[in-house]
Full PDB file with SEQRES, HELIX, SHEET, SSBOND, CRYST1, ORIGX, SCALE, CONECT and MASTER records, all heavy atoms in Angstrom:
SEQRES   1 A   39  THR GLU GLU LEU ILE ASN TYR PHE PRO TYR ASP TYR ALA          
SEQRES   2 A   39  ALA PRO ARG SER ALA GLN GLN PRO PHE SER SER ASN VAL          
SEQRES   3 A   39  ALA VAL PHE PRO SER PRO PHE THR ALA GLY ARG LYS LEU          
HELIX    1 AA1 GLU A    2  ILE A    5  1                                   4    
CRYST1    1.000    1.000    1.000  90.00  90.00  90.00 P 1           1          
ORIGX1      1.000000  0.000000  0.000000        0.00000                         
ORIGX2      0.000000  1.000000  0.000000        0.00000                         
ORIGX3      0.000000  0.000000  1.000000        0.00000                         
SCALE1      1.000000  0.000000  0.000000        0.00000                         
SCALE2      0.000000  1.000000  0.000000        0.00000                         
SCALE3      0.000000  0.000000  1.000000        0.00000                         
ATOM      1  N   THR A   1      94.241 129.219 107.531  1.00  0.00           N  
ATOM      2  CA  THR A   1      95.362 128.408 107.996  1.00  0.00           C  
ATOM      3  C   THR A   1      96.297 128.010 106.867  1.00  0.00           C  
ATOM      4  O   THR A   1      97.530 128.072 107.002  1.00  0.00           O  
ATOM      5  CB  THR A   1      94.837 127.148 108.706  1.00  0.00           C  
ATOM      6  OG1 THR A   1      93.984 127.545 109.782  1.00  0.00           O  
ATOM      7  CG2 THR A   1      95.976 126.316 109.253  1.00  0.00           C  
ATOM      8  N   GLU A   2      95.736 127.604 105.731  1.00  0.00           N  
ATOM      9  CA  GLU A   2      96.589 127.149 104.618  1.00  0.00           C  
ATOM     10  C   GLU A   2      97.469 128.275 104.086  1.00  0.00           C  
ATOM     11  O   GLU A   2      98.579 128.020 103.595  1.00  0.00           O  
ATOM     12  CB  GLU A   2      95.726 126.557 103.495  1.00  0.00           C  
ATOM     13  CG  GLU A   2      94.920 127.546 102.685  1.00  0.00           C  
ATOM     14  CD  GLU A   2      93.612 127.982 103.339  1.00  0.00           C  
ATOM     15  OE1 GLU A   2      93.362 127.558 104.491  1.00  0.00           O  
ATOM     16  OE2 GLU A   2      92.851 128.733 102.713  1.00  0.00           O  
ATOM     17  N   GLU A   3      97.015 129.527 104.177  1.00  0.00           N  
ATOM     18  CA  GLU A   3      97.822 130.636 103.674  1.00  0.00           C  
ATOM     19  C   GLU A   3      98.973 130.951 104.616  1.00  0.00           C  
ATOM     20  O   GLU A   3     100.033 131.410 104.171  1.00  0.00           O  
ATOM     21  CB  GLU A   3      96.943 131.862 103.436  1.00  0.00           C  
ATOM     22  CG  GLU A   3      95.929 131.654 102.324  1.00  0.00           C  
ATOM     23  CD  GLU A   3      95.226 132.928 101.913  1.00  0.00           C  
ATOM     24  OE1 GLU A   3      95.748 134.032 102.156  1.00  0.00           O  
ATOM     25  OE2 GLU A   3      94.120 132.823 101.326  1.00  0.00           O  
ATOM     26  N   LEU A   4      98.785 130.720 105.909  1.00  0.00           N  
ATOM     27  CA  LEU A   4      99.905 130.870 106.828  1.00  0.00           C  
ATOM     28  C   LEU A   4     100.926 129.761 106.594  1.00  0.00           C  
ATOM     29  O   LEU A   4     102.133 130.013 106.549  1.00  0.00           O  
ATOM     30  CB  LEU A   4      99.408 130.848 108.277  1.00  0.00           C  
ATOM     31  CG  LEU A   4      99.053 132.213 108.890  1.00  0.00           C  
ATOM     32  CD1 LEU A   4      97.828 132.821 108.212  1.00  0.00           C  
ATOM     33  CD2 LEU A   4      98.842 132.106 110.390  1.00  0.00           C  
ATOM     34  N   ILE A   5     100.449 128.539 106.410  1.00  0.00           N  
ATOM     35  CA  ILE A   5     101.372 127.423 106.158  1.00  0.00           C  
ATOM     36  C   ILE A   5     102.156 127.643 104.874  1.00  0.00           C  
ATOM     37  O   ILE A   5     103.383 127.469 104.824  1.00  0.00           O  
ATOM     38  CB  ILE A   5     100.593 126.094 106.086  1.00  0.00           C  
ATOM     39  CG1 ILE A   5      99.957 125.756 107.431  1.00  0.00           C  
ATOM     40  CG2 ILE A   5     101.506 124.959 105.628  1.00  0.00           C  
ATOM     41  CD1 ILE A   5      99.028 124.561 107.384  1.00  0.00           C  
ATOM     42  N   ASN A   6     101.479 128.053 103.807  1.00  0.00           N  
ATOM     43  CA  ASN A   6     102.115 128.165 102.493  1.00  0.00           C  
ATOM     44  C   ASN A   6     102.848 129.477 102.276  1.00  0.00           C  
ATOM     45  O   ASN A   6     103.376 129.713 101.186  1.00  0.00           O  
ATOM     46  CB  ASN A   6     101.066 127.951 101.398  1.00  0.00           C  
ATOM     47  CG  ASN A   6     100.635 126.499 101.295  1.00  0.00           C  
ATOM     48  OD1 ASN A   6     101.466 125.597 101.347  1.00  0.00           O  
ATOM     49  ND2 ASN A   6      99.338 126.272 101.171  1.00  0.00           N  
ATOM     50  N   TYR A   7     102.905 130.326 103.300  1.00  0.00           N  
ATOM     51  CA  TYR A   7     103.725 131.530 103.208  1.00  0.00           C  
ATOM     52  C   TYR A   7     105.206 131.169 103.140  1.00  0.00           C  
ATOM     53  O   TYR A   7     106.008 131.884 102.554  1.00  0.00           O  
ATOM     54  CB  TYR A   7     103.462 132.422 104.426  1.00  0.00           C  
ATOM     55  CG  TYR A   7     104.217 133.730 104.417  1.00  0.00           C  
ATOM     56  CD1 TYR A   7     103.731 134.833 103.725  1.00  0.00           C  
ATOM     57  CD2 TYR A   7     105.426 133.864 105.102  1.00  0.00           C  
ATOM     58  CE1 TYR A   7     104.424 136.031 103.720  1.00  0.00           C  
ATOM     59  CE2 TYR A   7     106.117 135.063 105.104  1.00  0.00           C  
ATOM     60  CZ  TYR A   7     105.614 136.146 104.408  1.00  0.00           C  
ATOM     61  OH  TYR A   7     106.303 137.340 104.401  1.00  0.00           O  
ATOM     62  N   PHE A   8     105.555 130.015 103.695  1.00  0.00           N  
ATOM     63  CA  PHE A   8     106.953 129.618 103.800  1.00  0.00           C  
ATOM     64  C   PHE A   8     107.323 128.599 102.720  1.00  0.00           C  
ATOM     65  O   PHE A   8     106.525 127.716 102.404  1.00  0.00           O  
ATOM     66  CB  PHE A   8     107.217 128.995 105.172  1.00  0.00           C  
ATOM     67  CG  PHE A   8     106.868 129.899 106.313  1.00  0.00           C  
ATOM     68  CD1 PHE A   8     105.607 129.834 106.892  1.00  0.00           C  
ATOM     69  CD2 PHE A   8     107.775 130.819 106.793  1.00  0.00           C  
ATOM     70  CE1 PHE A   8     105.265 130.677 107.935  1.00  0.00           C  
ATOM     71  CE2 PHE A   8     107.436 131.673 107.835  1.00  0.00           C  
ATOM     72  CZ  PHE A   8     106.180 131.604 108.406  1.00  0.00           C  
ATOM     73  N   PRO A   9     108.511 128.718 102.153  1.00  0.00           N  
ATOM     74  CA  PRO A   9     108.984 127.677 101.224  1.00  0.00           C  
ATOM     75  C   PRO A   9     109.447 126.454 102.008  1.00  0.00           C  
ATOM     76  O   PRO A   9     109.926 126.568 103.142  1.00  0.00           O  
ATOM     77  CB  PRO A   9     110.160 128.354 100.513  1.00  0.00           C  
ATOM     78  CG  PRO A   9     110.653 129.374 101.497  1.00  0.00           C  
ATOM     79  CD  PRO A   9     109.461 129.838 102.275  1.00  0.00           C  
ATOM     80  N   TYR A  10     109.282 125.288 101.403  1.00  0.00           N  
ATOM     81  CA  TYR A  10     109.693 124.038 102.049  1.00  0.00           C  
ATOM     82  C   TYR A  10     110.612 123.264 101.118  1.00  0.00           C  
ATOM     83  O   TYR A  10     110.509 123.361  99.892  1.00  0.00           O  
ATOM     84  CB  TYR A  10     108.470 123.207 102.426  1.00  0.00           C  
ATOM     85  CG  TYR A  10     107.569 123.901 103.431  1.00  0.00           C  
ATOM     86  CD1 TYR A  10     106.418 124.579 103.016  1.00  0.00           C  
ATOM     87  CD2 TYR A  10     107.881 123.912 104.789  1.00  0.00           C  
ATOM     88  CE1 TYR A  10     105.605 125.234 103.931  1.00  0.00           C  
ATOM     89  CE2 TYR A  10     107.070 124.562 105.715  1.00  0.00           C  
ATOM     90  CZ  TYR A  10     105.932 125.224 105.283  1.00  0.00           C  
ATOM     91  OH  TYR A  10     105.133 125.870 106.186  1.00  0.00           O  
ATOM     92  N   ASP A  11     111.486 122.487 101.731  1.00  0.00           N  
ATOM     93  CA  ASP A  11     112.539 121.814 100.979  1.00  0.00           C  
ATOM     94  C   ASP A  11     112.072 120.450 100.483  1.00  0.00           C  
ATOM     95  O   ASP A  11     112.542 119.406 100.937  1.00  0.00           O  
ATOM     96  CB  ASP A  11     113.784 121.665 101.864  1.00  0.00           C  
ATOM     97  CG  ASP A  11     114.992 121.182 101.072  1.00  0.00           C  
ATOM     98  OD1 ASP A  11     114.994 121.341  99.836  1.00  0.00           O  
ATOM     99  OD2 ASP A  11     115.928 120.641 101.695  1.00  0.00           O  
ATOM    100  N   TYR A  12     111.125 120.454  99.531  1.00  0.00           N  
ATOM    101  CA  TYR A  12     110.664 119.215  98.917  1.00  0.00           C  
ATOM    102  C   TYR A  12     111.509 118.930  97.679  1.00  0.00           C  
ATOM    103  O   TYR A  12     112.037 119.854  97.039  1.00  0.00           O  
ATOM    104  CB  TYR A  12     109.193 119.313  98.513  1.00  0.00           C  
ATOM    105  CG  TYR A  12     108.250 119.646  99.648  1.00  0.00           C  
ATOM    106  CD1 TYR A  12     107.119 120.429  99.432  1.00  0.00           C  
ATOM    107  CD2 TYR A  12     108.482 119.174 100.941  1.00  0.00           C  
ATOM    108  CE1 TYR A  12     106.251 120.733 100.477  1.00  0.00           C  
ATOM    109  CE2 TYR A  12     107.626 119.473 101.981  1.00  0.00           C  
ATOM    110  CZ  TYR A  12     106.510 120.263 101.741  1.00  0.00           C  
ATOM    111  OH  TYR A  12     105.661 120.560 102.774  1.00  0.00           O  
ATOM    112  N   ALA A  13     111.595 117.669  97.331  1.00  0.00           N  
ATOM    113  CA  ALA A  13     112.356 117.288  96.131  1.00  0.00           C  
ATOM    114  C   ALA A  13     111.725 117.913  94.890  1.00  0.00           C  
ATOM    115  O   ALA A  13     110.497 117.940  94.746  1.00  0.00           O  
ATOM    116  CB  ALA A  13     112.382 115.771  96.007  1.00  0.00           C  
ATOM    117  N   ALA A  14     112.562 118.415  94.002  1.00  0.00           N  
ATOM    118  CA  ALA A  14     112.072 119.094  92.800  1.00  0.00           C  
ATOM    119  C   ALA A  14     111.694 118.084  91.722  1.00  0.00           C  
ATOM    120  O   ALA A  14     112.313 117.008  91.619  1.00  0.00           O  
ATOM    121  CB  ALA A  14     113.142 120.041  92.264  1.00  0.00           C  
ATOM    122  N   PRO A  15     110.692 118.382  90.899  1.00  0.00           N  
ATOM    123  CA  PRO A  15     110.349 117.506  89.773  1.00  0.00           C  
ATOM    124  C   PRO A  15     111.436 117.549  88.708  1.00  0.00           C  
ATOM    125  O   PRO A  15     112.229 118.491  88.652  1.00  0.00           O  
ATOM    126  CB  PRO A  15     109.036 118.097  89.261  1.00  0.00           C  
ATOM    127  CG  PRO A  15     109.069 119.521  89.689  1.00  0.00           C  
ATOM    128  CD  PRO A  15     109.803 119.554  90.990  1.00  0.00           C  
ATOM    129  N   ARG A  16     111.422 116.546  87.848  1.00  0.00           N  
ATOM    130  CA  ARG A  16     112.498 116.427  86.876  1.00  0.00           C  
ATOM    131  C   ARG A  16     112.298 117.268  85.632  1.00  0.00           C  
ATOM    132  O   ARG A  16     113.261 117.681  84.989  1.00  0.00           O  
ATOM    133  CB  ARG A  16     112.653 114.955  86.482  1.00  0.00           C  
ATOM    134  CG  ARG A  16     113.069 114.058  87.632  1.00  0.00           C  
ATOM    135  CD  ARG A  16     113.191 112.604  87.188  1.00  0.00           C  
ATOM    136  NE  ARG A  16     113.609 111.733  88.289  1.00  0.00           N  
ATOM    137  CZ  ARG A  16     113.758 110.423  88.172  1.00  0.00           C  
ATOM    138  NH1 ARG A  16     113.525 109.822  86.996  1.00  0.00           N  
ATOM    139  NH2 ARG A  16     114.139 109.712  89.216  1.00  0.00           N  
ATOM    140  N   SER A  17     111.032 117.508  85.241  1.00  0.00           N  
ATOM    141  CA  SER A  17     110.803 118.239  83.993  1.00  0.00           C  
ATOM    142  C   SER A  17     109.508 119.015  84.086  1.00  0.00           C  
ATOM    143  O   SER A  17     108.665 118.763  84.959  1.00  0.00           O  
ATOM    144  CB  SER A  17     110.744 117.278  82.795  1.00  0.00           C  
ATOM    145  OG  SER A  17     109.551 116.507  82.840  1.00  0.00           O  
ATOM    146  N   ALA A  18     109.347 119.944  83.146  1.00  0.00           N  
ATOM    147  CA  ALA A  18     108.136 120.752  83.104  1.00  0.00           C  
ATOM    148  C   ALA A  18     106.943 119.958  82.592  1.00  0.00           C  
ATOM    149  O   ALA A  18     105.802 120.393  82.758  1.00  0.00           O  
ATOM    150  CB  ALA A  18     108.373 121.983  82.218  1.00  0.00           C  
ATOM    151  N   GLN A  19     107.171 118.806  81.974  1.00  0.00           N  
ATOM    152  CA  GLN A  19     106.067 118.003  81.455  1.00  0.00           C  
ATOM    153  C   GLN A  19     105.320 117.272  82.576  1.00  0.00           C  
ATOM    154  O   GLN A  19     104.141 116.990  82.458  1.00  0.00           O  
ATOM    155  CB  GLN A  19     106.599 117.008  80.422  1.00  0.00           C  
ATOM    156  CG  GLN A  19     107.196 117.686  79.189  1.00  0.00           C  
ATOM    157  CD  GLN A  19     106.234 118.684  78.554  1.00  0.00           C  
ATOM    158  OE1 GLN A  19     105.078 118.360  78.264  1.00  0.00           O  
ATOM    159  NE2 GLN A  19     106.708 119.911  78.346  1.00  0.00           N  
ATOM    160  N   GLN A  20     106.013 116.948  83.650  1.00  0.00           N  
ATOM    161  CA  GLN A  20     105.347 116.481  84.872  1.00  0.00           C  
ATOM    162  C   GLN A  20     105.820 117.412  85.976  1.00  0.00           C  
ATOM    163  O   GLN A  20     106.782 117.145  86.681  1.00  0.00           O  
ATOM    164  CB  GLN A  20     105.706 115.031  85.194  1.00  0.00           C  
ATOM    165  CG  GLN A  20     104.934 114.510  86.414  1.00  0.00           C  
ATOM    166  CD  GLN A  20     105.135 113.029  86.649  1.00  0.00           C  
ATOM    167  OE1 GLN A  20     105.150 112.248  85.701  1.00  0.00           O  
ATOM    168  NE2 GLN A  20     105.288 112.632  87.906  1.00  0.00           N  
ATOM    169  N   PRO A  21     105.122 118.545  86.124  1.00  0.00           N  
ATOM    170  CA  PRO A  21     105.663 119.671  86.885  1.00  0.00           C  
ATOM    171  C   PRO A  21     105.545 119.557  88.392  1.00  0.00           C  
ATOM    172  O   PRO A  21     105.769 120.543  89.100  1.00  0.00           O  
ATOM    173  CB  PRO A  21     104.814 120.838  86.369  1.00  0.00           C  
ATOM    174  CG  PRO A  21     103.504 120.216  86.034  1.00  0.00           C  
ATOM    175  CD  PRO A  21     103.818 118.847  85.523  1.00  0.00           C  
ATOM    176  N   PHE A  22     105.203 118.376  88.927  1.00  0.00           N  
ATOM    177  CA  PHE A  22     105.061 118.222  90.360  1.00  0.00           C  
ATOM    178  C   PHE A  22     105.842 117.034  90.875  1.00  0.00           C  
ATOM    179  O   PHE A  22     105.973 116.010  90.202  1.00  0.00           O  
ATOM    180  CB  PHE A  22     103.593 118.003  90.762  1.00  0.00           C  
ATOM    181  CG  PHE A  22     102.729 119.201  90.584  1.00  0.00           C  
ATOM    182  CD1 PHE A  22     101.614 119.140  89.778  1.00  0.00           C  
ATOM    183  CD2 PHE A  22     103.023 120.389  91.214  1.00  0.00           C  
ATOM    184  CE1 PHE A  22     100.804 120.230  89.605  1.00  0.00           C  
ATOM    185  CE2 PHE A  22     102.225 121.497  91.054  1.00  0.00           C  
ATOM    186  CZ  PHE A  22     101.112 121.418  90.246  1.00  0.00           C  
ATOM    187  N   SER A  23     106.336 117.174  92.085  1.00  0.00           N  
ATOM    188  CA  SER A  23     106.788 116.037  92.873  1.00  0.00           C  
ATOM    189  C   SER A  23     105.960 116.044  94.149  1.00  0.00           C  
ATOM    190  O   SER A  23     105.591 117.103  94.649  1.00  0.00           O  
ATOM    191  CB  SER A  23     108.279 116.155  93.205  1.00  0.00           C  
ATOM    192  OG  SER A  23     108.504 117.283  94.040  1.00  0.00           O  
ATOM    193  N   SER A  24     105.628 114.870  94.671  1.00  0.00           N  
ATOM    194  CA  SER A  24     104.813 114.791  95.877  1.00  0.00           C  
ATOM    195  C   SER A  24     105.645 114.259  97.034  1.00  0.00           C  
ATOM    196  O   SER A  24     106.595 113.486  96.838  1.00  0.00           O  
ATOM    197  CB  SER A  24     103.595 113.892  95.648  1.00  0.00           C  
ATOM    198  OG  SER A  24     103.991 112.594  95.267  1.00  0.00           O  
ATOM    199  N   ASN A  25     105.289 114.678  98.245  1.00  0.00           N  
ATOM    200  CA  ASN A  25     106.023 114.287  99.428  1.00  0.00           C  
ATOM    201  C   ASN A  25     105.016 114.077 100.556  1.00  0.00           C  
ATOM    202  O   ASN A  25     104.266 114.995 100.899  1.00  0.00           O  
ATOM    203  CB  ASN A  25     107.037 115.376  99.797  1.00  0.00           C  
ATOM    204  CG  ASN A  25     107.991 114.952 100.886  1.00  0.00           C  
ATOM    205  OD1 ASN A  25     107.587 114.698 102.002  1.00  0.00           O  
ATOM    206  ND2 ASN A  25     109.268 114.904 100.550  1.00  0.00           N  
ATOM    207  N   VAL A  26     104.976 112.853 101.121  1.00  0.00           N  
ATOM    208  CA  VAL A  26     103.995 112.514 102.142  1.00  0.00           C  
ATOM    209  C   VAL A  26     104.717 112.049 103.400  1.00  0.00           C  
ATOM    210  O   VAL A  26     105.729 111.345 103.327  1.00  0.00           O  
ATOM    211  CB  VAL A  26     103.037 111.408 101.649  1.00  0.00           C  
ATOM    212  CG1 VAL A  26     102.036 111.024 102.743  1.00  0.00           C  
ATOM    213  CG2 VAL A  26     102.297 111.859 100.394  1.00  0.00           C  
ATOM    214  N   ALA A  27     104.203 112.470 104.558  1.00  0.00           N  
ATOM    215  CA  ALA A  27     104.749 112.018 105.840  1.00  0.00           C  
ATOM    216  C   ALA A  27     103.608 111.852 106.838  1.00  0.00           C  
ATOM    217  O   ALA A  27     102.630 112.608 106.813  1.00  0.00           O  
ATOM    218  CB  ALA A  27     105.774 113.017 106.370  1.00  0.00           C  
ATOM    219  N   VAL A  28     103.719 110.836 107.707  1.00  0.00           N  
ATOM    220  CA  VAL A  28     102.741 110.581 108.772  1.00  0.00           C  
ATOM    221  C   VAL A  28     103.495 110.575 110.092  1.00  0.00           C  
ATOM    222  O   VAL A  28     104.548 109.921 110.215  1.00  0.00           O  
ATOM    223  CB  VAL A  28     102.027 109.227 108.558  1.00  0.00           C  
ATOM    224  CG1 VAL A  28     100.993 108.987 109.667  1.00  0.00           C  
ATOM    225  CG2 VAL A  28     101.365 109.178 107.190  1.00  0.00           C  
ATOM    226  N   PHE A  29     102.965 111.272 111.099  1.00  0.00           N  
ATOM    227  CA  PHE A  29     103.643 111.369 112.389  1.00  0.00           C  
ATOM    228  C   PHE A  29     102.631 111.728 113.477  1.00  0.00           C  
ATOM    229  O   PHE A  29     101.518 112.194 113.171  1.00  0.00           O  
ATOM    230  CB  PHE A  29     104.767 112.408 112.323  1.00  0.00           C  
ATOM    231  CG  PHE A  29     104.375 113.723 111.704  1.00  0.00           C  
ATOM    232  CD1 PHE A  29     103.919 114.781 112.485  1.00  0.00           C  
ATOM    233  CD2 PHE A  29     104.443 113.907 110.323  1.00  0.00           C  
ATOM    234  CE1 PHE A  29     103.552 115.980 111.908  1.00  0.00           C  
ATOM    235  CE2 PHE A  29     104.077 115.110 109.737  1.00  0.00           C  
ATOM    236  CZ  PHE A  29     103.627 116.154 110.529  1.00  0.00           C  
ATOM    237  N   PRO A  30     102.962 111.542 114.750  1.00  0.00           N  
ATOM    238  CA  PRO A  30     102.013 111.808 115.837  1.00  0.00           C  
ATOM    239  C   PRO A  30     101.579 113.272 115.873  1.00  0.00           C  
ATOM    240  O   PRO A  30     102.364 114.182 115.618  1.00  0.00           O  
ATOM    241  CB  PRO A  30     102.800 111.435 117.099  1.00  0.00           C  
ATOM    242  CG  PRO A  30     103.838 110.486 116.629  1.00  0.00           C  
ATOM    243  CD  PRO A  30     104.216 110.939 115.246  1.00  0.00           C  
ATOM    244  N   SER A  31     100.326 113.482 116.220  1.00  0.00           N  
ATOM    245  CA  SER A  31      99.785 114.837 116.318  1.00  0.00           C  
ATOM    246  C   SER A  31     100.132 115.449 117.675  1.00  0.00           C  
ATOM    247  O   SER A  31      99.913 114.807 118.710  1.00  0.00           O  
ATOM    248  CB  SER A  31      98.265 114.817 116.142  1.00  0.00           C  
ATOM    249  OG  SER A  31      97.712 116.089 116.454  1.00  0.00           O  
ATOM    250  N   PRO A  32     100.651 116.659 117.723  1.00  0.00           N  
ATOM    251  CA  PRO A  32     100.902 117.320 119.016  1.00  0.00           C  
ATOM    252  C   PRO A  32      99.625 117.923 119.610  1.00  0.00           C  
ATOM    253  O   PRO A  32      99.644 118.386 120.748  1.00  0.00           O  
ATOM    254  CB  PRO A  32     101.907 118.416 118.648  1.00  0.00           C  
ATOM    255  CG  PRO A  32     101.567 118.777 117.236  1.00  0.00           C  
ATOM    256  CD  PRO A  32     101.099 117.486 116.591  1.00  0.00           C  
ATOM    257  N   PHE A  33      98.531 117.913 118.856  1.00  0.00           N  
ATOM    258  CA  PHE A  33      97.278 118.487 119.352  1.00  0.00           C  
ATOM    259  C   PHE A  33      96.599 117.569 120.365  1.00  0.00           C  
ATOM    260  O   PHE A  33      96.183 118.009 121.433  1.00  0.00           O  
ATOM    261  CB  PHE A  33      96.320 118.762 118.196  1.00  0.00           C  
ATOM    262  CG  PHE A  33      96.876 119.647 117.112  1.00  0.00           C  
ATOM    263  CD1 PHE A  33      96.538 119.432 115.784  1.00  0.00           C  
ATOM    264  CD2 PHE A  33      97.752 120.669 117.407  1.00  0.00           C  
ATOM    265  CE1 PHE A  33      97.052 120.238 114.782  1.00  0.00           C  
ATOM    266  CE2 PHE A  33      98.275 121.487 116.411  1.00  0.00           C  
ATOM    267  CZ  PHE A  33      97.922 121.262 115.086  1.00  0.00           C  
ATOM    268  N   THR A  34      96.465 116.304 120.003  1.00  0.00           N  
ATOM    269  CA  THR A  34      95.770 115.336 120.852  1.00  0.00           C  
ATOM    270  C   THR A  34      96.510 114.009 120.805  1.00  0.00           C  
ATOM    271  O   THR A  34      96.767 113.478 119.717  1.00  0.00           O  
ATOM    272  CB  THR A  34      94.314 115.141 120.384  1.00  0.00           C  
ATOM    273  OG1 THR A  34      93.639 116.400 120.381  1.00  0.00           O  
ATOM    274  CG2 THR A  34      93.579 114.175 121.309  1.00  0.00           C  
ATOM    275  N   ALA A  35      96.839 113.480 121.963  1.00  0.00           N  
ATOM    276  CA  ALA A  35      97.552 112.201 122.032  1.00  0.00           C  
ATOM    277  C   ALA A  35      96.719 111.091 121.402  1.00  0.00           C  
ATOM    278  O   ALA A  35      95.497 111.032 121.579  1.00  0.00           O  
ATOM    279  CB  ALA A  35      97.865 111.870 123.483  1.00  0.00           C  
ATOM    280  N   GLY A  36      97.371 110.244 120.651  1.00  0.00           N  
ATOM    281  CA  GLY A  36      96.698 109.119 120.015  1.00  0.00           C  
ATOM    282  C   GLY A  36      96.248 109.395 118.597  1.00  0.00           C  
ATOM    283  O   GLY A  36      95.822 108.468 117.897  1.00  0.00           O  
ATOM    284  N   ARG A  37      96.319 110.661 118.155  1.00  0.00           N  
ATOM    285  CA  ARG A  37      95.977 111.001 116.770  1.00  0.00           C  
ATOM    286  C   ARG A  37      97.252 111.221 115.965  1.00  0.00           C  
ATOM    287  O   ARG A  37      98.344 111.352 116.522  1.00  0.00           O  
ATOM    288  CB  ARG A  37      95.082 112.242 116.726  1.00  0.00           C  
ATOM    289  CG  ARG A  37      93.737 112.028 117.401  1.00  0.00           C  
ATOM    290  CD  ARG A  37      92.897 113.291 117.422  1.00  0.00           C  
ATOM    291  NE  ARG A  37      91.641 113.073 118.149  1.00  0.00           N  
ATOM    292  CZ  ARG A  37      90.809 114.037 118.509  1.00  0.00           C  
ATOM    293  NH1 ARG A  37      91.070 115.304 118.205  1.00  0.00           N  
ATOM    294  NH2 ARG A  37      89.696 113.743 119.174  1.00  0.00           N  
ATOM    295  N   LYS A  38      97.116 111.286 114.658  1.00  0.00           N  
ATOM    296  CA  LYS A  38      98.265 111.455 113.784  1.00  0.00           C  
ATOM    297  C   LYS A  38      98.007 112.590 112.791  1.00  0.00           C  
ATOM    298  O   LYS A  38      96.853 112.972 112.539  1.00  0.00           O  
ATOM    299  CB  LYS A  38      98.567 110.163 113.017  1.00  0.00           C  
ATOM    300  CG  LYS A  38      98.905 108.971 113.910  1.00  0.00           C  
ATOM    301  CD  LYS A  38      99.184 107.724 113.084  1.00  0.00           C  
ATOM    302  CE  LYS A  38      99.419 106.514 113.980  1.00  0.00           C  
ATOM    303  NZ  LYS A  38     100.652 106.638 114.781  1.00  0.00           N  
ATOM    304  N   LEU A  39      99.084 113.098 112.231  1.00  0.00           N  
ATOM    305  CA  LEU A  39      99.012 114.095 111.162  1.00  0.00           C  
ATOM    306  C   LEU A  39      99.542 113.484 109.870  1.00  0.00           C  
ATOM    307  O   LEU A  39     100.519 112.730 109.893  1.00  0.00           O  
ATOM    308  CB  LEU A  39      99.823 115.349 111.504  1.00  0.00           C  
ATOM    309  CG  LEU A  39      99.379 116.160 112.724  1.00  0.00           C  
ATOM    310  CD1 LEU A  39     100.267 117.391 112.888  1.00  0.00           C  
ATOM    311  CD2 LEU A  39      97.926 116.570 112.603  1.00  0.00           C  
TER     312      LEU A  39                                                      
MASTER        0    0    0    1    0    0    0    6  311    1    0    3          
END                                                                             
């Protein structure tokens, strides 16, 4: 599953420098799989 998800590029904010080479992006929202759960 993770390889299908990561096949596509996503528009996350870019990090500022190579010394801290990551930016993180978190979101919480309702799950379409089962009512009452979240992703």
